[in-house]
Amino acid sequence: MKTLQILKPQTQIPLEKTVKKEKRIGRPQALTKEDLINAIKLYATTSPYELEKHLHISYRTIYRKLKEIPKETIVEIFNELSQTELKPYQMTYEGFLTIPEVQKFKTILEKKNSAKTIEVSFCIIFGVFAYF
């Protein structure tokens, strides 16, 4: 018996083997769209300057990537955040005091009040009168 051998014509050779695939050449991206979306969800802001502090990436890069993200996506993110996070009026007083910004404000007030107390006691002890 004769074996039949089917030969492929040259035009049917797969192109992927003959043509080199395009590969990205150069420096890898510092920030992708997905990374930026996750950062917006995590830090609840679209301010490039705030995100720059957290991500350690230039605010210019963040501006460029923000232009690529549709506004609808950002609006959806903030709608989700507004529904999941408690508002200050929904918290207990103890829970409200655990917010980092409130703690910073409280320590600043304590420092300010303690400094005034020291000044007043100094004035009373040494008989110096000053207006505060």
Protein backbone atom coordinates (compact mmCIF):
# COMPACT_ATOMS: atom_id res chain seq x y z
CA MET A 1 0.00 0.00 0.00
CA LYS A 2 1.10 3.42 -0.77
CA THR A 3 1.10 6.03 1.95
CA LEU A 4 -0.43 9.25 1.01
CA GLN A 5 1.33 12.27 2.29
CA ILE A 6 -0.57 15.50 2.40
CA LEU A 7 1.62 18.51 2.03
CA LYS A 8 0.54 21.94 3.15
CA PRO A 9 1.16 24.69 0.71
CA GLN A 10 3.41 27.52 1.90
CA THR A 11 0.50 29.93 2.30
CA GLN A 12 -1.12 27.81 5.01
CA ILE A 13 1.83 27.88 7.44
CA PRO A 14 0.67 29.52 10.65
CA LEU A 15 1.63 33.15 10.78
CA GLU A 16 2.42 33.09 14.49
CA LYS A 17 5.51 31.01 13.87
CA THR A 18 6.76 33.04 10.98
CA VAL A 19 6.01 36.51 12.29
CA LYS A 20 7.49 37.64 15.57
CA LYS A 21 4.94 38.52 18.20
CA GLU A 22 4.88 42.12 19.25
CA LYS A 23 6.45 42.47 22.64
CA ARG A 24 6.43 45.60 24.68
CA ILE A 25 9.92 46.99 24.82
CA GLY A 26 11.10 49.47 27.39
CA ARG A 27 10.46 50.34 30.97
CA PRO A 28 7.50 48.61 32.66
CA GLN A 29 4.56 50.75 33.69
CA ALA A 30 4.77 52.18 37.18
CA LEU A 31 1.00 52.18 37.54
CA THR A 32 -1.76 50.34 35.74
CA LYS A 33 -5.42 51.30 35.53
CA GLU A 34 -6.35 48.44 37.85
CA ASP A 35 -3.77 49.55 40.42
CA LEU A 36 -5.14 53.09 40.33
CA ILE A 37 -8.74 51.90 40.69
CA ASN A 38 -7.76 49.79 43.70
CA ALA A 39 -5.93 52.77 45.23
CA ILE A 40 -8.98 54.99 44.73
CA LYS A 41 -11.10 52.38 46.52
CA LEU A 42 -8.56 51.97 49.32
CA TYR A 43 -7.82 55.65 50.02
CA ALA A 44 -11.25 57.01 48.95
CA THR A 45 -9.81 59.90 46.95
CA THR A 46 -9.01 60.85 43.37
CA SER A 47 -6.62 63.62 44.35
CA PRO A 48 -3.33 62.94 42.54
CA TYR A 49 -1.40 64.62 45.35
CA GLU A 50 -2.96 62.40 48.03
CA LEU A 51 -2.47 59.27 45.92
CA GLU A 52 1.12 60.32 45.23
CA LYS A 53 1.87 60.22 48.96
CA HIS A 54 0.43 56.74 49.35
CA LEU A 55 1.61 55.12 46.11
CA HIS A 56 5.02 56.86 45.84
CA ILE A 57 4.38 57.60 42.17
CA SER A 58 4.52 60.99 40.47
CA TYR A 59 1.27 62.94 40.44
CA ARG A 60 1.75 63.50 36.70
CA THR A 61 1.58 59.75 36.12
CA ILE A 62 -1.57 59.57 38.24
CA TYR A 63 -3.16 62.44 36.25
CA ARG A 64 -2.38 60.61 33.01
CA LYS A 65 -3.90 57.36 34.26
CA LEU A 66 -6.96 59.14 35.72
CA LYS A 67 -7.75 60.43 32.23
CA GLU A 68 -7.90 56.82 31.00
CA ILE A 69 -10.47 55.77 33.62
CA PRO A 70 -14.08 56.62 32.69
CA LYS A 71 -15.86 59.04 35.02
CA GLU A 72 -18.71 56.52 35.44
CA THR A 73 -16.30 54.03 37.01
CA ILE A 74 -15.08 56.59 39.53
CA VAL A 75 -18.66 57.61 40.37
CA GLU A 76 -19.57 53.93 40.94
CA ILE A 77 -16.59 53.52 43.27
CA PHE A 78 -17.62 56.49 45.38
CA ASN A 79 -21.24 55.34 45.46
CA GLU A 80 -20.10 51.95 46.80
CA LEU A 81 -17.86 53.63 49.37
CA SER A 82 -20.64 55.92 50.54
CA GLN A 83 -22.92 52.94 51.14
CA THR A 84 -20.37 50.78 52.94
CA GLU A 85 -18.66 53.30 55.23
CA LEU A 86 -20.25 54.64 58.38
CA LYS A 87 -20.87 58.35 58.58
CA PRO A 88 -19.70 60.13 61.76
CA TYR A 89 -23.30 60.67 62.87
CA GLN A 90 -23.92 56.89 62.61
CA MET A 91 -20.99 56.00 64.92
CA THR A 92 -20.81 55.75 68.66
CA TYR A 93 -18.70 58.35 70.42
CA GLU A 94 -15.96 55.81 71.19
CA GLY A 95 -15.92 54.69 67.56
CA PHE A 96 -15.71 58.29 66.40
CA LEU A 97 -12.68 58.90 68.61
CA THR A 98 -10.83 55.99 66.97
CA ILE A 99 -10.69 57.80 63.60
CA PRO A 100 -7.01 58.77 63.04
CA GLU A 101 -7.84 62.37 62.09
CA VAL A 102 -9.89 62.83 65.26
CA GLN A 103 -7.05 61.37 67.35
CA LYS A 104 -4.57 63.83 65.79
CA PHE A 105 -6.94 66.72 66.48
CA LYS A 106 -7.39 65.57 70.07
CA THR A 107 -3.62 65.42 70.71
CA ILE A 108 -3.16 68.88 69.19
CA LEU A 109 -5.86 70.26 71.48
CA GLU A 110 -4.28 68.57 74.51
CA LYS A 111 -0.86 70.05 73.67
CA LYS A 112 -2.37 73.48 73.18
CA ASN A 113 -4.31 73.32 76.46
CA SER A 114 -1.32 72.02 78.42
CA ALA A 115 0.87 74.84 77.06
CA LYS A 116 -1.70 77.44 78.16
CA THR A 117 -1.95 75.80 81.60
CA ILE A 118 1.83 76.01 82.03
CA GLU A 119 1.84 79.68 80.96
CA VAL A 120 -0.99 80.57 83.35
CA SER A 121 0.64 78.77 86.28
CA PHE A 122 3.95 80.49 85.49
CA CYS A 123 2.20 83.87 85.52
CA ILE A 124 0.51 83.12 88.84
CA ILE A 125 3.70 81.88 90.53
CA PHE A 126 5.89 84.77 89.42
CA GLY A 127 3.20 87.45 89.51
CA VAL A 128 3.46 88.28 85.82
CA PHE A 129 0.21 89.28 84.18
CA ALA A 130 -0.36 88.47 80.55
CA TYR A 131 -3.43 88.39 78.38
CA PHE A 132 -4.21 85.21 76.53
